[in-house]
Amino acid sequence: MKSVKVPALELFLHEMIPLAKAMGVGVQVSDARALVLTAPKEQNKNSLNTAFGGSLVALATLAGYGVVWELMREGNEADKPVWHIVVKESRAAYRRPVLGDLRAICERPAQAAIAEFKDALARYGKAKLKLRTAIIEDGCVAVDVQAAFVVSR
């Protein structure tokens, strides 16, 4: 049997956000372009046997949170203060039902937005980052979530 390394983000989510573990959230991809989280439909279905709307927005929120969490972990660990990440606001547009497993894609922000965000953190000890996450099924956007995350000391 092949050993699989579980990403640090997945371990963190399961330990610190119990809902993520209950939903069966997993990290499918975490690269320079995007963070992709998945969850099985069986643990997240509604009475119509489609994905539950609350699970869809929760997975999208966790994907955005994960992008910010990974951004805050970059760099020299010894010099870092403890940061708190919260979602300040979000808006979801449900475009079509999700019939299969859940898949959320949060694109990483542009380098200019990251630089502005980090500058605000350094200057004020608090900053906001707006992110967009899409729940994708069969190449189509089923749910579009726009959220703002605030990081503070």
N, C-alpha and C. Protein backbone atom coordinates (compact mmCIF):
# COMPACT_ATOMS: atom_id res chain seq x y z
N MET A 1 0.84 -1.18 0.00
CA MET A 1 0.00 0.00 0.00
C MET A 1 0.88 1.25 0.00
N LYS A 2 0.54 2.21 -0.86
CA LYS A 2 1.32 3.43 -1.01
C LYS A 2 0.94 4.44 0.08
N SER A 3 1.94 5.05 0.69
CA SER A 3 1.72 6.06 1.71
C SER A 3 1.39 7.39 1.03
N VAL A 4 0.39 8.09 1.55
CA VAL A 4 -0.02 9.37 1.00
C VAL A 4 0.18 10.44 2.06
N LYS A 5 0.85 11.52 1.68
CA LYS A 5 1.07 12.63 2.60
C LYS A 5 -0.14 13.55 2.59
N VAL A 6 -0.74 13.75 3.76
CA VAL A 6 -1.89 14.63 3.87
C VAL A 6 -1.38 16.07 4.02
N PRO A 7 -1.89 16.99 3.19
CA PRO A 7 -1.43 18.38 3.28
C PRO A 7 -1.69 18.99 4.65
N ALA A 8 -0.79 19.88 5.06
CA ALA A 8 -0.92 20.55 6.36
C ALA A 8 -2.25 21.28 6.48
N LEU A 9 -2.71 21.88 5.39
CA LEU A 9 -3.99 22.59 5.43
C LEU A 9 -5.13 21.64 5.77
N GLU A 10 -5.15 20.48 5.18
CA GLU A 10 -6.22 19.51 5.45
C GLU A 10 -6.20 19.08 6.91
N LEU A 11 -5.02 18.81 7.44
CA LEU A 11 -4.91 18.44 8.85
C LEU A 11 -5.41 19.56 9.75
N PHE A 12 -5.02 20.80 9.43
CA PHE A 12 -5.46 21.96 10.20
C PHE A 12 -6.98 22.10 10.17
N LEU A 13 -7.57 22.02 8.98
CA LEU A 13 -9.02 22.17 8.86
C LEU A 13 -9.76 21.11 9.66
N HIS A 14 -9.31 19.86 9.58
CA HIS A 14 -9.98 18.77 10.30
C HIS A 14 -9.85 18.92 11.81
N GLU A 15 -8.71 19.45 12.26
CA GLU A 15 -8.49 19.61 13.70
C GLU A 15 -9.16 20.85 14.27
N MET A 16 -9.08 21.96 13.55
CA MET A 16 -9.53 23.24 14.10
C MET A 16 -10.94 23.65 13.69
N ILE A 17 -11.45 23.06 12.61
CA ILE A 17 -12.81 23.38 12.15
C ILE A 17 -13.54 22.05 12.00
N PRO A 18 -14.20 21.59 13.06
CA PRO A 18 -14.83 20.26 13.05
C PRO A 18 -15.78 20.02 11.88
N LEU A 19 -16.43 21.06 11.40
CA LEU A 19 -17.33 20.91 10.26
C LEU A 19 -16.59 20.36 9.04
N ALA A 20 -15.35 20.79 8.84
CA ALA A 20 -14.55 20.32 7.70
C ALA A 20 -14.36 18.80 7.76
N LYS A 21 -14.09 18.30 8.94
CA LYS A 21 -13.91 16.85 9.10
C LYS A 21 -15.23 16.12 8.88
N ALA A 22 -16.31 16.65 9.44
CA ALA A 22 -17.63 16.03 9.28
C ALA A 22 -18.06 16.00 7.82
N MET A 23 -17.68 17.03 7.06
CA MET A 23 -18.02 17.10 5.65
C MET A 23 -17.14 16.19 4.80
N GLY A 24 -16.01 15.75 5.35
CA GLY A 24 -15.07 14.94 4.58
C GLY A 24 -14.22 15.77 3.63
N VAL A 25 -13.92 17.00 4.01
CA VAL A 25 -13.15 17.92 3.16
C VAL A 25 -11.74 17.40 2.95
N GLY A 26 -11.29 17.45 1.71
CA GLY A 26 -9.93 17.07 1.36
C GLY A 26 -9.31 18.10 0.45
N VAL A 27 -7.99 18.20 0.48
CA VAL A 27 -7.26 19.09 -0.42
C VAL A 27 -6.90 18.27 -1.66
N GLN A 28 -7.44 18.68 -2.80
CA GLN A 28 -7.12 18.00 -4.05
C GLN A 28 -5.89 18.62 -4.71
N VAL A 29 -5.84 19.95 -4.74
CA VAL A 29 -4.73 20.67 -5.37
C VAL A 29 -4.44 21.92 -4.55
N SER A 30 -3.17 22.19 -4.36
CA SER A 30 -2.74 23.45 -3.78
C SER A 30 -1.46 23.84 -4.51
N ASP A 31 -1.61 24.75 -5.46
CA ASP A 31 -0.45 25.18 -6.24
C ASP A 31 -0.47 26.70 -6.38
N ALA A 32 0.41 27.23 -7.21
CA ALA A 32 0.54 28.67 -7.34
C ALA A 32 -0.70 29.32 -7.95
N ARG A 33 -1.52 28.55 -8.65
CA ARG A 33 -2.69 29.09 -9.33
C ARG A 33 -3.95 29.06 -8.48
N ALA A 34 -4.17 27.95 -7.75
CA ALA A 34 -5.44 27.80 -7.04
C ALA A 34 -5.34 26.78 -5.91
N LEU A 35 -6.36 26.82 -5.06
CA LEU A 35 -6.57 25.79 -4.04
C LEU A 35 -7.88 25.10 -4.41
N VAL A 36 -7.85 23.79 -4.47
CA VAL A 36 -9.05 23.01 -4.80
C VAL A 36 -9.36 22.09 -3.62
N LEU A 37 -10.56 22.27 -3.05
CA LEU A 37 -11.03 21.40 -1.98
C LEU A 37 -12.17 20.54 -2.51
N THR A 38 -12.28 19.33 -1.97
CA THR A 38 -13.35 18.43 -2.36
C THR A 38 -14.06 17.90 -1.12
N ALA A 39 -15.27 17.39 -1.33
CA ALA A 39 -16.02 16.73 -0.27
C ALA A 39 -17.00 15.77 -0.94
N PRO A 40 -17.20 14.60 -0.36
CA PRO A 40 -18.12 13.63 -0.97
C PRO A 40 -19.59 14.06 -0.82
N LYS A 41 -20.35 13.84 -1.88
CA LYS A 41 -21.77 14.21 -1.83
C LYS A 41 -22.51 13.45 -0.73
N GLU A 42 -22.16 12.19 -0.53
CA GLU A 42 -22.89 11.36 0.43
C GLU A 42 -22.97 12.00 1.81
N GLN A 43 -21.90 12.68 2.24
CA GLN A 43 -21.89 13.34 3.55
C GLN A 43 -22.49 14.74 3.51
N ASN A 44 -22.86 15.20 2.31
CA ASN A 44 -23.28 16.59 2.14
C ASN A 44 -24.53 16.73 1.28
N LYS A 45 -25.38 15.72 1.29
CA LYS A 45 -26.56 15.76 0.42
C LYS A 45 -27.79 16.26 1.17
N ASN A 46 -28.78 16.68 0.39
CA ASN A 46 -30.05 17.14 0.95
C ASN A 46 -31.14 16.11 0.65
N SER A 47 -32.37 16.46 0.94
CA SER A 47 -33.49 15.54 0.75
C SER A 47 -33.79 15.26 -0.73
N LEU A 48 -33.25 16.06 -1.63
CA LEU A 48 -33.44 15.87 -3.07
C LEU A 48 -32.31 15.05 -3.69
N ASN A 49 -31.38 14.59 -2.85
CA ASN A 49 -30.20 13.83 -3.28
C ASN A 49 -29.27 14.67 -4.16
N THR A 50 -29.25 15.98 -3.92
CA THR A 50 -28.26 16.86 -4.53
C THR A 50 -27.43 17.42 -3.37
N ALA A 51 -26.36 18.13 -3.68
CA ALA A 51 -25.52 18.70 -2.63
C ALA A 51 -26.30 19.76 -1.86
N PHE A 52 -26.20 19.71 -0.54
CA PHE A 52 -26.86 20.67 0.34
C PHE A 52 -26.23 22.05 0.15
N GLY A 53 -27.08 23.08 0.01
CA GLY A 53 -26.59 24.44 -0.21
C GLY A 53 -25.64 24.92 0.87
N GLY A 54 -25.92 24.57 2.12
CA GLY A 54 -25.04 24.97 3.22
C GLY A 54 -23.66 24.35 3.10
N SER A 55 -23.62 23.10 2.64
CA SER A 55 -22.32 22.43 2.44
C SER A 55 -21.55 23.09 1.30
N LEU A 56 -22.27 23.50 0.26
CA LEU A 56 -21.61 24.14 -0.89
C LEU A 56 -20.95 25.45 -0.48
N VAL A 57 -21.69 26.29 0.25
CA VAL A 57 -21.11 27.57 0.66
C VAL A 57 -20.04 27.36 1.73
N ALA A 58 -20.20 26.34 2.58
CA ALA A 58 -19.18 26.05 3.58
C ALA A 58 -17.88 25.62 2.91
N LEU A 59 -17.97 24.75 1.90
CA LEU A 59 -16.76 24.31 1.20
C LEU A 59 -16.08 25.48 0.49
N ALA A 60 -16.87 26.35 -0.11
CA ALA A 60 -16.31 27.53 -0.78
C ALA A 60 -15.63 28.44 0.24
N THR A 61 -16.25 28.62 1.40
CA THR A 61 -15.67 29.46 2.45
C THR A 61 -14.37 28.85 2.96
N LEU A 62 -14.36 27.53 3.14
CA LEU A 62 -13.14 26.85 3.59
C LEU A 62 -12.02 26.99 2.55
N ALA A 63 -12.37 26.98 1.27
CA ALA A 63 -11.34 27.15 0.23
C ALA A 63 -10.73 28.55 0.31
N GLY A 64 -11.56 29.56 0.45
CA GLY A 64 -11.04 30.92 0.60
C GLY A 64 -10.20 31.06 1.86
N TYR A 65 -10.70 30.51 2.96
CA TYR A 65 -9.97 30.53 4.22
C TYR A 65 -8.62 29.84 4.03
N GLY A 66 -8.62 28.72 3.32
CA GLY A 66 -7.38 27.98 3.08
C GLY A 66 -6.35 28.77 2.30
N VAL A 67 -6.81 29.53 1.31
CA VAL A 67 -5.89 30.38 0.53
C VAL A 67 -5.24 31.40 1.46
N VAL A 68 -6.03 32.02 2.31
CA VAL A 68 -5.48 33.02 3.25
C VAL A 68 -4.55 32.33 4.25
N TRP A 69 -4.96 31.18 4.77
CA TRP A 69 -4.16 30.44 5.74
C TRP A 69 -2.79 30.09 5.15
N GLU A 70 -2.78 29.60 3.92
CA GLU A 70 -1.50 29.26 3.29
C GLU A 70 -0.66 30.51 3.04
N LEU A 71 -1.30 31.60 2.68
CA LEU A 71 -0.59 32.86 2.46
C LEU A 71 0.09 33.32 3.75
N MET A 72 -0.59 33.15 4.88
CA MET A 72 -0.04 33.58 6.16
C MET A 72 1.09 32.66 6.64
N ARG A 73 1.16 31.46 6.12
CA ARG A 73 2.22 30.52 6.52
C ARG A 73 3.50 30.69 5.70
N GLU A 74 3.46 31.46 4.64
CA GLU A 74 4.65 31.66 3.81
C GLU A 74 5.72 32.44 4.57
N GLY A 75 6.96 32.15 4.28
CA GLY A 75 8.05 32.92 4.86
C GLY A 75 8.67 32.26 6.08
N ASN A 76 9.38 33.06 6.84
CA ASN A 76 10.13 32.59 8.01
C ASN A 76 9.19 32.40 9.21
N GLU A 77 9.04 31.17 9.65
CA GLU A 77 8.14 30.83 10.76
C GLU A 77 8.52 31.51 12.08
N ALA A 78 9.79 31.67 12.34
CA ALA A 78 10.25 32.18 13.64
C ALA A 78 9.84 33.63 13.88
N ASP A 79 9.72 34.42 12.83
CA ASP A 79 9.43 35.84 12.97
C ASP A 79 7.95 36.18 12.89
N LYS A 80 7.09 35.19 12.84
CA LYS A 80 5.67 35.45 12.61
C LYS A 80 4.89 35.67 13.89
N PRO A 81 4.06 36.71 13.89
CA PRO A 81 3.10 36.84 14.99
C PRO A 81 1.95 35.86 14.76
N VAL A 82 1.12 35.69 15.74
CA VAL A 82 -0.05 34.83 15.59
C VAL A 82 -1.15 35.65 14.92
N TRP A 83 -1.64 35.17 13.80
CA TRP A 83 -2.68 35.86 13.05
C TRP A 83 -4.01 35.16 13.22
N HIS A 84 -5.08 35.92 13.19
CA HIS A 84 -6.45 35.39 13.26
C HIS A 84 -7.13 35.68 11.93
N ILE A 85 -7.72 34.66 11.36
CA ILE A 85 -8.40 34.78 10.06
C ILE A 85 -9.89 34.59 10.29
N VAL A 86 -10.69 35.54 9.79
CA VAL A 86 -12.15 35.41 9.86
C VAL A 86 -12.75 35.83 8.52
N VAL A 87 -13.90 35.26 8.22
CA VAL A 87 -14.64 35.71 7.04
C VAL A 87 -15.49 36.89 7.48
N LYS A 88 -15.36 38.00 6.78
CA LYS A 88 -16.09 39.22 7.15
C LYS A 88 -17.44 39.28 6.46
N GLU A 89 -17.46 38.92 5.19
CA GLU A 89 -18.71 38.94 4.43
C GLU A 89 -18.59 37.97 3.27
N SER A 90 -19.74 37.48 2.83
CA SER A 90 -19.74 36.61 1.65
C SER A 90 -21.08 36.69 0.95
N ARG A 91 -21.03 36.37 -0.32
CA ARG A 91 -22.24 36.35 -1.14
C ARG A 91 -22.17 35.14 -2.05
N ALA A 92 -23.22 34.35 -2.06
CA ALA A 92 -23.26 33.15 -2.89
C ALA A 92 -24.37 33.26 -3.93
N ALA A 93 -24.05 32.84 -5.14
CA ALA A 93 -25.03 32.75 -6.22
C ALA A 93 -25.11 31.29 -6.64
N TYR A 94 -26.26 30.70 -6.40
CA TYR A 94 -26.49 29.29 -6.75
C TYR A 94 -27.04 29.24 -8.17
N ARG A 95 -26.27 28.67 -9.07
CA ARG A 95 -26.64 28.68 -10.49
C ARG A 95 -27.30 27.38 -10.96
N ARG A 96 -26.89 26.27 -10.37
CA ARG A 96 -27.46 24.97 -10.73
C ARG A 96 -27.18 23.98 -9.62
N PRO A 97 -28.01 22.93 -9.50
CA PRO A 97 -27.75 21.93 -8.46
C PRO A 97 -26.47 21.15 -8.72
N VAL A 98 -25.86 20.68 -7.66
CA VAL A 98 -24.67 19.83 -7.77
C VAL A 98 -25.14 18.40 -7.52
N LEU A 99 -24.95 17.55 -8.50
CA LEU A 99 -25.45 16.18 -8.45
C LEU A 99 -24.44 15.18 -7.91
N GLY A 100 -23.15 15.52 -8.03
CA GLY A 100 -22.10 14.60 -7.59
C GLY A 100 -21.31 15.15 -6.43
N ASP A 101 -20.08 14.68 -6.30
CA ASP A 101 -19.20 15.15 -5.24
C ASP A 101 -18.92 16.64 -5.40
N LEU A 102 -18.62 17.29 -4.29
CA LEU A 102 -18.41 18.73 -4.26
C LEU A 102 -16.94 19.05 -4.58
N ARG A 103 -16.74 20.12 -5.35
CA ARG A 103 -15.39 20.55 -5.72
C ARG A 103 -15.36 22.08 -5.77
N ALA A 104 -14.57 22.69 -4.88
CA ALA A 104 -14.46 24.14 -4.80
C ALA A 104 -13.08 24.59 -5.26
N ILE A 105 -13.06 25.58 -6.14
CA ILE A 105 -11.80 26.11 -6.66
C ILE A 105 -11.70 27.58 -6.28
N CYS A 106 -10.69 27.91 -5.49
CA CYS A 106 -10.42 29.30 -5.13
C CYS A 106 -9.11 29.71 -5.79
N GLU A 107 -9.22 30.62 -6.74
CA GLU A 107 -8.02 31.11 -7.43
C GLU A 107 -7.23 32.00 -6.49
N ARG A 108 -5.91 31.87 -6.56
CA ARG A 108 -5.05 32.71 -5.73
C ARG A 108 -5.11 34.15 -6.26
N PRO A 109 -5.00 35.11 -5.36
CA PRO A 109 -5.04 36.51 -5.80
C PRO A 109 -3.78 36.88 -6.59
N ALA A 110 -3.90 37.94 -7.35
CA ALA A 110 -2.76 38.46 -8.11
C ALA A 110 -1.67 38.92 -7.16
N GLN A 111 -0.44 38.92 -7.63
CA GLN A 111 0.69 39.33 -6.80
C GLN A 111 0.53 40.76 -6.28
N ALA A 112 -0.06 41.63 -7.08
CA ALA A 112 -0.27 43.02 -6.64
C ALA A 112 -1.23 43.06 -5.45
N ALA A 113 -2.28 42.26 -5.48
CA ALA A 113 -3.24 42.22 -4.37
C ALA A 113 -2.60 41.64 -3.12
N ILE A 114 -1.74 40.62 -3.30
CA ILE A 114 -1.04 40.03 -2.16
C ILE A 114 -0.09 41.05 -1.54
N ALA A 115 0.63 41.80 -2.38
CA ALA A 115 1.56 42.81 -1.88
C ALA A 115 0.81 43.90 -1.10
N GLU A 116 -0.33 44.34 -1.61
CA GLU A 116 -1.14 45.35 -0.93
C GLU A 116 -1.66 44.83 0.41
N PHE A 117 -2.11 43.58 0.40
CA PHE A 117 -2.61 42.92 1.60
C PHE A 117 -1.51 42.83 2.66
N LYS A 118 -0.33 42.35 2.27
CA LYS A 118 0.78 42.20 3.22
C LYS A 118 1.28 43.55 3.72
N ASP A 119 1.23 44.57 2.87
CA ASP A 119 1.64 45.92 3.28
C ASP A 119 0.68 46.44 4.35
N ALA A 120 -0.61 46.24 4.15
CA ALA A 120 -1.61 46.66 5.14
C ALA A 120 -1.41 45.92 6.46
N LEU A 121 -1.11 44.61 6.38
CA LEU A 121 -0.86 43.83 7.60
C LEU A 121 0.33 44.39 8.37
N ALA A 122 1.40 44.67 7.64
CA ALA A 122 2.60 45.18 8.28
C ALA A 122 2.36 46.57 8.89
N ARG A 123 1.61 47.38 8.19
CA ARG A 123 1.37 48.76 8.62
C ARG A 123 0.35 48.87 9.74
N TYR A 124 -0.78 48.15 9.60
CA TYR A 124 -1.90 48.33 10.53
C TYR A 124 -2.17 47.12 11.44
N GLY A 125 -1.53 46.00 11.15
CA GLY A 125 -1.80 44.79 11.94
C GLY A 125 -3.13 44.14 11.60
N LYS A 126 -3.73 44.59 10.49
CA LYS A 126 -5.03 44.07 10.06
C LYS A 126 -5.17 44.35 8.56
N ALA A 127 -5.74 43.41 7.85
CA ALA A 127 -5.95 43.61 6.41
C ALA A 127 -7.08 42.72 5.91
N LYS A 128 -7.66 43.14 4.78
CA LYS A 128 -8.77 42.41 4.18
C LYS A 128 -8.37 41.94 2.79
N LEU A 129 -8.79 40.72 2.46
CA LEU A 129 -8.51 40.15 1.15
C LEU A 129 -9.81 39.59 0.58
N LYS A 130 -10.17 40.04 -0.62
CA LYS A 130 -11.38 39.55 -1.29
C LYS A 130 -11.01 38.42 -2.23
N LEU A 131 -11.78 37.33 -2.14
CA LEU A 131 -11.52 36.15 -2.96
C LEU A 131 -12.81 35.64 -3.60
N ARG A 132 -12.63 34.95 -4.70
CA ARG A 132 -13.76 34.33 -5.39
C ARG A 132 -13.52 32.83 -5.44
N THR A 133 -14.54 32.06 -5.07
CA THR A 133 -14.48 30.60 -5.14
C THR A 133 -15.65 30.11 -5.97
N ALA A 134 -15.38 29.14 -6.81
CA ALA A 134 -16.44 28.55 -7.63
C ALA A 134 -16.58 27.07 -7.30
N ILE A 135 -17.82 26.64 -7.16
CA ILE A 135 -18.11 25.21 -7.07
C ILE A 135 -18.35 24.77 -8.51
N ILE A 136 -17.53 23.86 -8.97
CA ILE A 136 -17.55 23.43 -10.37
C ILE A 136 -18.04 21.99 -10.47
N GLU A 137 -18.92 21.75 -11.44
CA GLU A 137 -19.32 20.38 -11.76
C GLU A 137 -19.45 20.26 -13.27
N ASP A 138 -18.83 19.24 -13.84
CA ASP A 138 -18.85 19.01 -15.29
C ASP A 138 -18.43 20.25 -16.08
N GLY A 139 -17.43 20.96 -15.57
CA GLY A 139 -16.90 22.13 -16.26
C GLY A 139 -17.75 23.38 -16.16
N CYS A 140 -18.85 23.32 -15.42
CA CYS A 140 -19.74 24.48 -15.26
C CYS A 140 -19.72 24.99 -13.83
N VAL A 141 -19.88 26.30 -13.68
CA VAL A 141 -19.98 26.89 -12.34
C VAL A 141 -21.39 26.62 -11.81
N ALA A 142 -21.46 25.90 -10.71
CA ALA A 142 -22.75 25.62 -10.07
C ALA A 142 -23.04 26.66 -8.99
N VAL A 143 -22.00 27.08 -8.29
CA VAL A 143 -22.15 28.09 -7.24
C VAL A 143 -20.94 29.02 -7.32
N ASP A 144 -21.23 30.31 -7.24
CA ASP A 144 -20.18 31.33 -7.27
C ASP A 144 -20.23 32.05 -5.92
N VAL A 145 -19.11 32.02 -5.19
CA VAL A 145 -19.06 32.66 -3.87
C VAL A 145 -17.95 33.71 -3.86
N GLN A 146 -18.33 34.92 -3.47
CA GLN A 146 -17.38 35.99 -3.29
C GLN A 146 -17.35 36.31 -1.81
N ALA A 147 -16.14 36.33 -1.25
CA ALA A 147 -16.01 36.55 0.19
C ALA A 147 -14.82 37.45 0.49
N ALA A 148 -14.93 38.14 1.61
CA ALA A 148 -13.84 38.97 2.10
C ALA A 148 -13.37 38.37 3.43
N PHE A 149 -12.08 38.14 3.51
CA PHE A 149 -11.47 37.59 4.73
C PHE A 149 -10.62 38.67 5.38
N VAL A 150 -10.70 38.74 6.70
CA VAL A 150 -9.90 39.71 7.45
C VAL A 150 -8.89 38.95 8.30
N VAL A 151 -7.67 39.43 8.26
CA VAL A 151 -6.60 38.87 9.07
C VAL A 151 -6.17 39.95 10.05
N SER A 152 -6.03 39.57 11.32
CA SER A 152 -5.57 40.52 12.35
C SER A 152 -4.75 39.78 13.37
N ARG A 153 -4.02 40.58 14.15
CA ARG A 153 -3.22 40.01 15.26
C ARG A 153 -4.10 39.71 16.43
